[in-house]
Protein backbone atom coordinates (compact mmCIF):
# COMPACT_ATOMS: atom_id res chain seq x y z
CA MET A 1 4.14 4.70 35.86
CA VAL A 2 6.29 1.56 35.87
CA LYS A 3 3.89 -0.07 33.44
CA LYS A 4 4.05 2.91 31.07
CA MET A 5 7.84 3.05 31.20
CA ALA A 6 8.01 -0.65 30.40
CA PHE A 7 5.57 -0.09 27.55
CA ILE A 8 7.74 2.75 26.19
CA ALA A 9 10.79 0.47 26.31
CA LEU A 10 8.87 -2.18 24.41
CA ALA A 11 7.78 0.43 21.86
CA MET A 12 11.40 1.43 21.33
CA ALA A 13 12.29 -2.21 20.75
CA VAL A 14 9.57 -2.41 18.09
CA VAL A 15 10.88 0.80 16.49
CA LEU A 16 14.42 -0.57 16.32
CA GLY A 17 13.12 -3.84 14.95
CA ALA A 18 11.28 -1.92 12.23
CA VAL A 19 14.58 -0.57 10.90
CA SER A 20 15.24 -3.87 9.14
CA MET A 21 13.62 -4.07 5.72
CA ALA A 22 11.13 -6.72 4.63
CA SER A 23 13.00 -9.79 3.48
CA ALA A 24 11.95 -11.78 0.44
CA ALA A 25 12.95 -14.44 -2.01
CA GLN A 26 15.01 -13.21 -4.93
CA ASN A 27 12.05 -12.89 -7.29
CA VAL A 28 9.58 -11.41 -4.76
CA ALA A 29 9.00 -7.68 -4.29
CA ASN A 30 10.60 -6.08 -1.25
CA THR A 31 11.51 -2.66 0.14
CA SER A 32 15.30 -2.76 -0.03
CA GLN A 33 15.99 -3.17 -3.76
CA LYS A 34 15.69 -0.97 -6.83
CA GLY A 35 13.08 -1.77 -9.46
CA SER A 36 10.90 -0.73 -12.39
CA LEU A 37 7.61 -0.59 -10.41
CA LEU A 38 7.16 1.14 -7.03
CA ILE A 39 4.10 0.94 -4.73
CA TRP A 40 3.34 3.12 -1.69
CA PRO A 41 0.41 1.56 0.26
CA LYS A 42 -0.09 4.53 2.62
CA ILE A 43 -0.46 8.13 1.50
CA ALA A 44 -2.12 10.49 4.02
CA ASN A 45 -3.36 13.82 2.72
CA ASP A 46 -5.71 15.50 5.20
CA TYR A 47 -6.85 15.90 8.86
CA GLY A 48 -3.46 17.28 9.84
CA PHE A 49 -1.54 14.70 7.80
CA ARG A 50 0.84 15.40 4.93
CA THR A 51 2.92 12.93 2.91
CA TYR A 52 6.25 13.69 1.25
CA ILE A 53 7.09 11.29 -1.59
CA THR A 54 10.60 10.75 -2.96
CA ILE A 55 11.70 8.93 -6.13
CA GLY A 56 15.30 8.45 -7.26
CA ASN A 57 16.94 7.40 -10.53
CA ASP A 58 20.19 5.54 -9.88
CA TYR A 59 21.40 5.46 -13.49
CA TYR A 60 23.14 7.73 -15.99
CA SER A 61 20.28 7.88 -18.51
CA GLU A 62 16.85 9.46 -18.25
CA VAL A 63 13.56 7.62 -17.76
CA TRP A 64 9.87 8.50 -17.88
CA VAL A 65 7.67 7.53 -14.95
CA LYS A 66 3.92 6.88 -15.01
CA CYS A 67 2.03 7.21 -11.70
CA TYR A 68 -1.50 6.47 -10.52
CA TRP A 69 -2.94 7.96 -7.32
CA VAL A 70 -5.90 5.98 -5.93
CA ASP A 71 -7.84 7.44 -2.99
CA LYS A 72 -9.88 5.56 -0.38
CA ASP A 73 -13.02 5.82 -2.56
CA GLN A 74 -11.17 4.43 -5.62
CA ASN A 75 -11.10 7.74 -7.44
CA ILE A 76 -8.08 7.57 -9.75
CA GLU A 77 -5.78 10.25 -11.14
CA ASP A 78 -2.71 9.60 -13.26
CA PHE A 79 0.30 11.68 -14.25
CA MET A 80 3.65 11.22 -15.94
CA PHE A 81 7.04 12.91 -15.54
CA ARG A 82 10.68 12.62 -16.61
CA LEU A 83 13.62 11.75 -14.36
CA THR A 84 16.99 12.93 -15.65
CA PRO A 85 20.17 10.84 -15.12
CA ASN A 86 20.90 10.28 -11.40
CA GLN A 87 18.09 12.64 -10.40
CA PRO A 88 16.21 12.46 -7.08
CA VAL A 89 12.88 14.33 -6.79
CA TRP A 90 10.26 14.91 -4.12
CA PHE A 91 6.75 16.30 -3.93
CA THR A 92 3.91 16.49 -1.43
CA ALA A 93 0.62 14.71 -1.96
CA CYS A 94 -1.42 17.77 -0.97
CA THR A 95 0.12 20.23 -3.47
CA GLY A 96 2.00 18.04 -5.97
CA GLU A 97 4.99 20.40 -5.66
CA GLY A 98 8.55 20.06 -4.42
CA ASP A 99 11.29 22.72 -4.61
CA GLY A 100 9.69 24.12 -7.77
CA ILE A 101 11.10 21.17 -9.73
CA MET A 102 8.18 18.76 -9.50
CA THR A 103 4.67 19.94 -10.39
CA VAL A 104 2.44 16.88 -10.46
CA PRO A 105 -1.32 17.25 -9.85
CA PRO A 106 -2.36 17.63 -6.19
CA PHE A 107 -3.76 14.37 -4.86
CA GLN A 108 -7.52 14.60 -4.37
CA GLY A 109 -8.99 12.67 -1.43
CA ASP A 110 -7.90 12.16 2.15
CA PHE A 111 -6.04 8.84 2.10
CA GLY A 112 -4.96 6.30 -0.48
CA GLU A 113 -2.07 4.65 -2.31
CA LEU A 114 0.38 5.46 -5.10
CA LYS A 115 1.86 3.31 -7.87
CA CYS A 116 4.63 4.42 -10.26
CA TRP A 117 6.54 2.56 -12.98
CA ALA A 118 8.96 3.16 -15.84
CA VAL A 119 7.46 3.83 -19.29
CA ASN A 120 8.65 5.07 -22.67
CA ALA A 121 8.45 8.74 -23.62
CA GLY A 122 5.15 8.18 -25.43
CA GLY A 123 3.50 6.73 -22.34
CA ASP A 124 2.15 3.77 -24.31
CA GLN A 125 4.41 0.97 -23.05
CA GLN A 126 6.17 -0.15 -19.87
CA VAL A 127 9.97 -0.33 -20.07
CA SER A 128 12.56 -2.27 -18.09
CA PHE A 129 14.46 0.16 -15.86
CA ASN A 130 15.54 -1.45 -12.59
CA HIS A 131 17.09 1.70 -11.17
CA LEU A 132 14.10 3.33 -9.47
CA TYR A 133 13.60 3.52 -5.72
CA GLY A 134 11.50 5.67 -3.41
CA SER A 135 10.12 6.37 0.03
CA ALA A 136 7.34 8.27 1.79
CA VAL A 137 7.43 10.41 4.92
CA VAL A 138 4.02 10.53 6.63
CA TYR A 139 3.93 13.73 8.67
CA TYR A 140 1.33 14.73 11.26
CA GLU A 141 0.77 18.30 12.45
CA ASN A 142 4.10 19.75 13.65
CA TYR A 143 5.43 17.10 15.97
CA THR A 144 5.65 13.56 14.57
CA ALA A 145 6.34 11.61 11.39
CA PHE A 146 7.55 8.25 10.14
CA GLU A 147 9.20 7.11 6.92
CA TYR A 148 8.89 3.88 4.96
CA ASN A 149 10.37 2.60 1.70
CA ALA A 150 8.18 1.88 -1.32
CA TRP A 151 7.63 -1.73 -2.32
CA SER A 152 9.87 -2.33 -5.33
CA PHE A 153 9.41 -4.78 -8.23
CA THR A 154 12.17 -5.55 -10.74
CA ALA A 155 11.40 -6.21 -14.41
CA ARG A 156 12.84 -9.66 -14.99
CA GLY A 157 14.70 -10.56 -18.19
CA GLY A 158 14.26 -7.27 -20.01
CA ALA A 159 16.91 -5.06 -21.62
CA LEU A 160 17.52 -1.75 -19.87
CA GLY A 161 15.27 1.01 -21.20
CA LYS A 162 13.54 -1.26 -23.71
CA ASP A 163 9.81 -2.00 -24.07
CA PHE A 164 8.73 -4.65 -21.60
CA GLY A 165 5.71 -6.93 -21.44
CA THR A 166 2.24 -6.35 -22.84
CA PRO A 167 1.33 -2.66 -23.12
CA GLY A 168 -1.14 -1.73 -20.39
CA LYS A 169 -0.56 -4.72 -18.10
CA LEU A 170 2.22 -5.32 -15.58
CA GLU A 171 2.33 -9.06 -14.87
CA LEU A 172 3.64 -9.72 -11.35
CA THR A 173 4.68 -13.31 -12.04
CA GLY A 174 8.24 -13.46 -10.70
CA GLN A 175 9.24 -15.04 -14.02
CA ASN A 176 11.16 -13.79 -17.06
CA ASN A 177 9.22 -11.21 -19.09
CA GLY A 178 7.28 -10.31 -15.96
CA TYR A 179 7.85 -8.30 -12.80
CA ASP A 180 8.67 -9.67 -9.36
CA ALA A 181 5.90 -11.62 -7.69
CA CYS A 182 4.05 -10.52 -4.56
CA PRO A 183 4.53 -12.40 -1.27
CA GLN A 184 2.18 -15.22 -0.37
CA TYR A 185 1.48 -13.60 2.99
CA LEU A 186 2.67 -10.80 5.29
CA VAL A 187 3.74 -11.08 8.92
CA GLU A 188 4.65 -8.53 11.59
CA ASN A 189 4.88 -7.88 15.34
CA PHE A 190 2.66 -5.18 16.88
CA LEU A 191 1.89 -3.51 20.19
CA ALA A 192 -1.57 -4.37 21.48
CA ALA A 193 -4.05 -1.49 21.50
CA ASP A 194 -4.30 -0.24 25.08
CA ASP A 195 -7.23 2.09 25.90
CA GLY A 196 -6.22 4.67 23.32
CA TRP A 197 -2.70 5.07 24.72
CA VAL A 198 -1.23 3.06 21.87
CA GLN A 199 -2.99 2.17 18.63
CA PRO A 200 -1.66 -0.10 15.86
CA ALA A 201 -2.92 0.66 12.34
CA LEU A 202 -2.51 -1.00 8.95
CA ALA A 203 -2.73 -0.07 5.26
CA LEU A 204 -3.19 -2.88 2.72
CA VAL A 205 -3.17 -2.94 -1.09
CA PRO A 206 -4.19 -5.99 -3.17
CA CYS A 207 -1.61 -7.09 -5.73
CA LYS A 208 -4.35 -7.51 -8.33
CA GLN A 209 -5.43 -4.04 -9.41
CA ASP A 210 -7.23 -2.66 -12.43
CA LEU A 211 -6.53 1.07 -12.86
CA ARG A 212 -8.27 1.48 -16.21
CA GLN A 213 -11.14 3.92 -16.67
CA ASP A 214 -13.49 0.97 -17.29
CA ARG A 215 -12.05 -1.02 -14.43
CA THR A 216 -13.17 -4.04 -12.44
CA PRO A 217 -12.55 -3.48 -8.71
CA THR A 218 -10.56 -6.04 -6.73
CA CYS A 219 -12.54 -7.28 -3.74
CA THR A 220 -10.85 -9.66 -1.33
CA LYS A 221 -10.76 -10.60 2.35
CA ALA A 222 -7.76 -9.90 4.56
CA LYS A 223 -7.63 -12.91 6.87
CA PHE A 224 -5.66 -12.49 10.12
CA ASP A 225 -4.09 -15.10 12.36
CA VAL A 226 -2.80 -13.61 15.63
CA TRP A 227 -0.44 -15.00 18.30
CA ASN A 228 0.27 -13.44 21.70
CA GLU A 229 3.50 -13.75 23.69
CA ASN A 230 2.27 -16.99 25.28
CA GLU A 231 1.87 -18.56 21.80
CA THR A 232 -1.91 -18.52 22.14
CA LYS A 233 -3.39 -18.37 18.64
CA TYR A 234 -6.46 -16.30 17.77
CA THR A 235 -8.31 -16.88 14.47
CA GLY A 236 -11.37 -15.49 12.74
CA ALA A 237 -10.29 -11.85 12.49
CA HIS A 238 -10.80 -10.42 9.02
CA ARG A 239 -11.51 -7.28 7.02
CA CYS A 240 -13.31 -7.08 3.66
CA ILE A 241 -11.36 -4.93 1.20
CA LYS A 242 -12.31 -3.18 -2.03
CA CYS A 243 -9.10 -2.13 -3.82
CA TRP A 244 -7.49 -0.58 -0.69
CA TYR A 245 -7.81 -0.48 3.08
CA GLU A 246 -6.50 1.60 5.97
CA GLY A 247 -7.63 1.55 9.58
CA TRP A 248 -7.03 0.77 13.24
CA LEU A 249 -6.58 -2.92 13.91
CA SER A 250 -8.76 -2.46 16.99
CA GLU A 251 -11.64 -1.27 14.75
CA LEU A 252 -11.87 -3.94 12.04
CA GLU A 253 -15.67 -3.92 12.35
CA THR A 254 -15.95 -0.20 11.49
CA PRO A 255 -18.16 1.24 14.26
CA GLY A 256 -21.51 2.59 13.10
CA LYS A 257 -21.61 0.48 9.92
CA PRO A 258 -24.57 -1.91 10.26
CA ASN A 259 -23.44 -3.99 7.29
CA GLY A 260 -20.07 -4.59 8.92
CA PHE A 261 -16.82 -4.95 6.99
CA GLY A 262 -14.82 -7.02 9.44
CA TYR A 263 -14.59 -9.01 12.64
CA GLY A 264 -12.16 -9.69 15.49
CA SER A 265 -10.99 -6.26 16.67
CA ASP A 266 -10.57 -7.60 20.22
CA LYS A 267 -7.78 -9.85 18.97
CA PHE A 268 -5.58 -6.74 18.58
CA THR A 269 -6.21 -5.26 22.04
CA TYR A 270 -4.45 -5.81 25.35
CA LYS A 271 -7.77 -6.85 26.93
CA GLY A 272 -8.20 -9.55 24.30
CA LEU A 273 -4.58 -10.70 23.98
CA HIS A 274 -3.45 -10.35 27.63
CA THR A 275 0.10 -9.53 26.47
CA LYS A 276 1.62 -6.23 25.36
CA LEU A 277 3.29 -7.65 22.25
CA ALA A 278 1.77 -9.95 19.63
CA ARG A 279 2.19 -10.83 15.99
CA PHE A 280 -0.15 -11.33 13.07
CA ARG A 281 -0.11 -13.06 9.70
CA VAL A 282 -2.39 -11.64 7.01
CA THR A 283 -3.42 -13.31 3.76
CA GLY A 284 -5.78 -12.18 1.00
CA GLU A 285 -8.41 -14.74 0.06
CA ALA A 286 -11.78 -15.04 -1.70
CA SER A 287 -14.65 -15.43 0.76
CA SER A 288 -18.44 -15.41 0.65
CA VAL A 289 -18.28 -13.58 4.00
CA CYS A 290 -17.56 -10.41 1.99
CA ASN A 291 -20.40 -10.77 -0.52
CA LYS A 292 -22.51 -7.60 -0.84
CA LYS A 293 -20.48 -5.65 1.70
CA PHE A 294 -19.87 -2.85 -0.81
CA LEU A 295 -23.23 -1.73 -2.17
CA THR A 296 -24.44 1.28 -4.12
CA PRO A 297 -27.09 3.37 -2.29
CA ASP A 298 -30.66 2.15 -2.32
CA THR A 299 -33.06 4.04 -4.60
CA PRO A 300 -36.87 4.32 -4.77
CA TYR A 301 -36.66 1.78 -7.58
CA GLY A 302 -34.79 -0.93 -5.76
CA PRO A 303 -31.97 -1.94 -3.43
CA GLY A 304 -28.35 -1.04 -4.12
CA SER A 305 -26.18 -3.32 -6.24
CA ASP A 306 -22.84 -4.91 -5.37
CA LYS A 307 -19.88 -2.71 -6.39
CA CYS A 308 -17.68 -5.84 -6.52
CA THR A 309 -18.66 -6.61 -10.10
CA GLY A 310 -15.81 -9.09 -10.46
CA GLY A 311 -16.83 -11.03 -7.37
CA GLN A 312 -14.55 -12.00 -4.49
CA VAL A 313 -11.00 -12.96 -5.49
CA LYS A 314 -7.91 -14.35 -3.83
CA SER A 315 -5.18 -11.72 -3.98
CA PRO A 316 -1.75 -11.34 -2.36
CA LEU A 317 -1.29 -8.14 -0.37
CA LEU A 318 1.27 -5.40 0.30
CA GLY A 319 1.18 -3.32 3.45
CA VAL A 320 2.50 -0.77 5.93
CA LEU A 321 2.05 -1.05 9.71
CA TRP A 322 2.35 1.91 12.07
CA HIS A 323 1.56 2.78 15.67
CA GLU A 324 0.32 6.00 17.21
CA MET A 325 1.28 6.45 20.85
CA ALA A 326 -0.06 9.18 23.15
CA PHE A 327 1.54 10.67 26.26
CA PRO A 328 -0.47 12.20 29.12
CA GLY A 329 -0.18 15.98 29.04
CA GLY A 330 1.88 16.09 25.87
CA PRO A 331 2.01 15.17 22.16
CA GLY A 332 2.40 11.60 21.03
CA PHE A 333 4.39 10.12 18.19
CA MET A 334 4.14 7.67 15.30
CA PHE A 335 6.47 4.89 14.20
CA GLY A 336 5.98 2.51 11.30
CA THR A 337 7.41 -0.09 8.94
CA THR A 338 6.60 -2.15 5.89
CA LEU A 339 5.68 -5.73 6.73
CA HIS A 340 7.86 -8.83 6.49
CA THR A 341 7.08 -11.28 3.71
CA ALA A 342 6.95 -15.03 3.18
CA GLY A 343 6.26 -17.25 0.22
CA TYR A 344 5.58 -16.44 -3.40
CA ASP A 345 2.41 -15.63 -5.35
CA GLY A 346 2.78 -14.96 -9.06
CA SER A 347 -0.89 -14.15 -9.77
CA GLY A 348 -0.70 -10.36 -9.30
CA PHE A 349 -1.08 -7.71 -12.00
CA VAL A 350 -1.58 -3.99 -12.60
CA SER A 351 -3.75 -3.00 -15.57
CA TRP A 352 -3.70 0.57 -16.90
CA ASP A 353 -4.79 2.69 -19.87
CA THR A 354 -1.91 3.42 -22.23
CA GLN A 355 -1.75 6.74 -24.04
CA ALA A 356 -2.73 6.84 -27.69
CA GLY A 357 -0.09 7.30 -30.37
CA HIS A 358 0.49 10.57 -32.21
CA PRO A 359 -0.36 10.35 -35.93
CA GLU A 360 1.66 12.46 -38.32
CA ALA A 361 0.04 15.06 -40.55
CA ALA A 362 -1.18 13.69 -43.86
CA GLN A 363 1.23 14.21 -46.75
CA ARG A 364 -0.20 16.20 -49.67
């Protein structure tokens, strides 16, 4: 009982520490500023989960917003809506509705991520509009939830409401005429997994993403370095990622998958770390370890082919960390946070299909 009470106190300390937002250099995306591009790495939509998404416009003119929902199987659905001056809106991922004001398409698929950015009314060009911000509330059953802020990218050097950059490609360079860069790596403290009583989990999104219909998937390796409270360093833990990842840190290998997508789950458990609290640093890198991890099914005519048609790439990452904690004889609870950032990586991008123009009727 003493051990569990001490663990609860430690969990509360982690919760309070999560209140602070991810810090960043001035031209690196973070979760405390307004911007023109917003990214939510974790959207839960089934198995008792529901996600409430909010977006606000902190300016006295309207703006159009283009969004892409990407589920865990990389099925993509896009939609577009208008925000009036100073308007906040909300909707749920499962229905696409909120207060009868928002009616976006229901998100198909169990889990995934959401990206939204400012565009012109025709939907054929990004615009600079650094007055958007948002959050997500991940809600489970009827007894627990946690909230996190969307990652926000400012459009740098553009005039408010004016066309910005190359149509169909958001360049995350951190330089003028581009959006904020992504961090070089992410770092965060976590509670070690302890026999199912507490479980840390992570959602990661590569900062290089092709959302076009004829897209090339981003395949990268999330490399983890882990330190326990005694400053002992653990290396070698990793997870192969195709466009998006979510899972328990104590199950990087994915049980039951003979091909194996990761390694080093023990480095996130109390039995492996020998301390209740630890920290990790995660970086996205290209690695031959992840070659042919994502294959199409075998057929009578031959073995499956690699879905990673663009090969393995180095990509910065964005993420959300959360814990699920159980109590004997009663419901548990969740608490979560976006990760802290360090460094600068200006190689990220988001590619998308712009809408076609509207020709006028021929004059006769």
